[in-house]
C-alpha atoms as a PDB file:
ATOM      1  CA  HIS A   1       3.820   0.864  -5.784  1.00  0.00           C
ATOM      2  CA  HIS A   2       3.832  -0.912  -8.917  1.00  0.00           C
ATOM      3  CA  ASP A   3       6.991  -2.716  -8.111  1.00  0.00           C
ATOM      4  CA  ILE A   4       5.761  -4.272  -4.837  1.00  0.00           C
ATOM      5  CA  GLY A   5       6.302  -7.811  -6.142  1.00  0.00           C
ATOM      6  CA  PHE A   6      10.038  -7.177  -6.744  1.00  0.00           C
ATOM      7  CA  ILE A   7      10.552  -5.634  -3.387  1.00  0.00           C
ATOM      8  CA  ILE A   8       8.438  -7.993  -1.164  1.00  0.00           C
ATOM      9  CA  GLY A   9       9.300 -11.209  -3.242  1.00  0.00           C
ATOM     10  CA  CYS A  10      13.076 -10.792  -3.158  1.00  0.00           C
ATOM     11  CA  SER A  11      13.019  -9.827   0.703  1.00  0.00           C
ATOM     12  CA  TYR A  12      10.113 -11.122   2.458  1.00  0.00           C
ATOM     13  CA  GLY A  13       9.219 -13.931  -0.070  1.00  0.00           C
ATOM     14  CA  ASN A  14      12.563 -15.411   0.144  1.00  0.00           C
ATOM     15  CA  GLY A  15      12.799 -14.976   3.762  1.00  0.00           C
ATOM     16  CA  TYR A  16       9.537 -16.838   4.345  1.00  0.00           C
ATOM     17  CA  ARG A  17      10.541 -19.634   1.701  1.00  0.00           C
ATOM     18  CA  LEU A  18      13.849 -20.254   3.892  1.00  0.00           C
ATOM     19  CA  THR A  19      12.412 -19.656   7.344  1.00  0.00           C
ATOM     20  CA  HIS A  20       8.570 -19.781   7.315  1.00  0.00           C
ATOM     21  CA  ARG A  21       8.341 -16.918   9.834  1.00  0.00           C
ATOM     22  CA  ASP A  22       4.990 -15.738  10.532  1.00  0.00           C
ATOM     23  CA  ASP A  23       6.031 -12.183  10.309  1.00  0.00           C
ATOM     24  CA  TYR A  24       7.260 -12.564   6.797  1.00  0.00           C
ATOM     25  CA  ALA A  25       4.114 -14.170   5.851  1.00  0.00           C
ATOM     26  CA  SER A  26       2.145 -11.220   7.246  1.00  0.00           C
ATOM     27  CA  ALA A  27       4.352  -8.813   5.246  1.00  0.00           C
ATOM     28  CA  ILE A  28       3.505 -10.681   2.094  1.00  0.00           C
ATOM     29  CA  VAL A  29      -0.281 -10.614   2.776  1.00  0.00           C
ATOM     30  CA  GLU A  30      -0.106  -6.952   3.795  1.00  0.00           C
ATOM     31  CA  ALA A  31       1.680  -6.051   0.522  1.00  0.00           C
ATOM     32  CA  ALA A  32      -0.881  -8.099  -1.631  1.00  0.00           C
ATOM     33  CA  LYS A  33      -3.539  -6.311   0.303  1.00  0.00           C
ATOM     34  CA  SER A  34      -2.008  -2.942  -0.630  1.00  0.00           C
ATOM     35  CA  LEU A  35      -1.538  -4.016  -4.230  1.00  0.00           C
ATOM     36  CA  SER A  36      -5.029  -5.010  -4.471  1.00  0.00           C
ATOM     37  CA  THR A  37      -6.131  -1.361  -3.956  1.00  0.00           C
ATOM     38  CA  ARG A  38      -4.647  -0.867  -7.459  1.00  0.00           C
ATOM     39  CA  TYR A  39      -7.027  -3.183  -8.999  1.00  0.00           C
ATOM     40  CA  ARG A  40      -9.603  -1.737 -11.235  1.00  0.00           C
ATOM     41  CA  SER A  41     -12.619  -3.934 -11.450  1.00  0.00           C
ATOM     42  CA  VAL A  42     -14.151  -2.587 -14.578  1.00  0.00           C
ATOM     43  CA  ALA A  43     -10.985  -3.155 -16.589  1.00  0.00           C
ATOM     44  CA  HIS A  44      -9.967  -6.207 -14.749  1.00  0.00           C
ATOM     45  CA  ILE A  45      -6.355  -4.969 -14.349  1.00  0.00           C
ATOM     46  CA  ILE A  46      -3.814  -3.754 -11.912  1.00  0.00           C
ATOM     47  CA  GLN A  47      -3.138  -0.133 -12.498  1.00  0.00           C
ATOM     48  CA  SER A  48       0.613   0.619 -12.674  1.00  0.00           C
ATOM     49  CA  TRP A  49       0.577   4.422 -11.820  1.00  0.00           C
ATOM     50  CA  ASN A  50      -1.949   7.032 -10.918  1.00  0.00           C
ATOM     51  CA  THR A  51      -2.289   9.325 -13.733  1.00  0.00           C
ATOM     52  CA  ASP A  52      -1.265  12.960 -13.583  1.00  0.00           C
ATOM     53  CA  LYS A  53      -2.200  16.149 -15.315  1.00  0.00           C
ATOM     54  CA  GLY A  54       1.192  16.324 -17.119  1.00  0.00           C
ATOM     55  CA  TRP A  55       2.808  14.023 -19.633  1.00  0.00           C
ATOM     56  CA  MET A  56       0.435  10.939 -18.905  1.00  0.00           C
ATOM     57  CA  SER A  57      -2.749  12.985 -19.482  1.00  0.00           C
ATOM     58  CA  GLU A  58      -1.365  14.578 -22.440  1.00  0.00           C
ATOM     59  CA  ARG A  59      -0.954  11.124 -24.093  1.00  0.00           C
ATOM     60  CA  GLY A  60      -4.461  10.194 -23.130  1.00  0.00           C
ATOM     61  CA  TRP A  61      -3.502   7.729 -20.394  1.00  0.00           C
ATOM     62  CA  GLU A  62      -6.322   7.023 -18.124  1.00  0.00           C
ATOM     63  CA  CYS A  63      -5.320   3.787 -16.462  1.00  0.00           C
ATOM     64  CA  PRO A  64      -1.638   3.024 -17.354  1.00  0.00           C
ATOM     65  CA  VAL A  65      -0.511  -0.687 -17.003  1.00  0.00           C
ATOM     66  CA  ILE A  66       3.134  -1.803 -17.697  1.00  0.00           C
ATOM     67  CA  ILE A  67       4.509  -5.412 -18.294  1.00  0.00           C
ATOM     68  CA  ASP A  68       6.139  -5.172 -14.701  1.00  0.00           C
ATOM     69  CA  ASN A  69       2.844  -5.778 -13.196  1.00  0.00           C
ATOM     70  CA  MET A  70       3.152  -9.435 -14.238  1.00  0.00           C
ATOM     71  CA  MET A  71       5.867  -9.752 -11.718  1.00  0.00           C
ATOM     72  CA  ASN A  72       3.226  -8.898  -8.962  1.00  0.00           C
ATOM     73  CA  LEU A  73       1.180 -11.982  -9.711  1.00  0.00           C
ATOM     74  CA  GLU A  74       3.532 -14.316  -7.834  1.00  0.00           C
ATOM     75  CA  LEU A  75       2.915 -12.178  -4.731  1.00  0.00           C
ATOM     76  CA  MET A  76      -0.714 -12.332  -5.097  1.00  0.00           C
ATOM     77  CA  PHE A  77      -0.769 -16.099  -5.512  1.00  0.00           C
ATOM     78  CA  ASP A  78       1.637 -16.416  -2.425  1.00  0.00           C
ATOM     79  CA  ALA A  79      -0.746 -14.244  -0.526  1.00  0.00           C
ATOM     80  CA  THR A  80      -3.713 -16.403  -1.370  1.00  0.00           C
ATOM     81  CA  LYS A  81      -1.801 -19.616  -0.066  1.00  0.00           C
ATOM     82  CA  LEU A  82      -0.755 -17.853   3.074  1.00  0.00           C
ATOM     83  CA  SER A  83      -4.043 -16.190   3.878  1.00  0.00           C
ATOM     84  CA  GLY A  84      -6.662 -18.501   2.391  1.00  0.00           C
ATOM     85  CA  ASP A  85      -8.268 -15.392   0.774  1.00  0.00           C
ATOM     86  CA  SER A  86      -8.973 -16.106  -2.870  1.00  0.00           C
ATOM     87  CA  THR A  87      -9.490 -12.494  -3.616  1.00  0.00           C
ATOM     88  CA  TYR A  88      -5.764 -12.264  -4.319  1.00  0.00           C
ATOM     89  CA  TYR A  89      -5.851 -15.162  -6.713  1.00  0.00           C
ATOM     90  CA  LYS A  90      -8.969 -13.837  -8.561  1.00  0.00           C
ATOM     91  CA  ILE A  91      -7.183 -10.331  -9.147  1.00  0.00           C
ATOM     92  CA  ALA A  92      -4.109 -11.930 -10.309  1.00  0.00           C
ATOM     93  CA  VAL A  93      -5.874 -14.289 -12.848  1.00  0.00           C
ATOM     94  CA  ALA A  94      -8.103 -11.344 -14.030  1.00  0.00           C
ATOM     95  CA  HIS A  95      -5.112  -9.252 -14.602  1.00  0.00           C
ATOM     96  CA  ALA A  96      -3.252 -11.974 -16.611  1.00  0.00           C
ATOM     97  CA  ASP A  97      -6.255 -12.767 -18.594  1.00  0.00           C
ATOM     98  CA  ARG A  98      -6.729  -9.119 -19.533  1.00  0.00           C
ATOM     99  CA  THR A  99      -3.216  -8.254 -20.504  1.00  0.00           C
END
């Protein structure tokens, strides 16, 4: 879901900031792991939506990316801090550099 940064950051992100509960940290990392499946390594971006055979393909959209994805980068940076896995950081920086 391309809005995962909004959804998780406003709930689990703030919850973790206030309580430092491990289950909140786990939810943040799991969300980042899910978001990372939308990363397209050839284009160096996080894809917003899967393309369909309808209006998106009629417009020639092969890998749609919208500005909202920039809100997801904080989630990726937080997941890096919490997990120690720099993959999330690298994805976030690559996306920011490309878009």
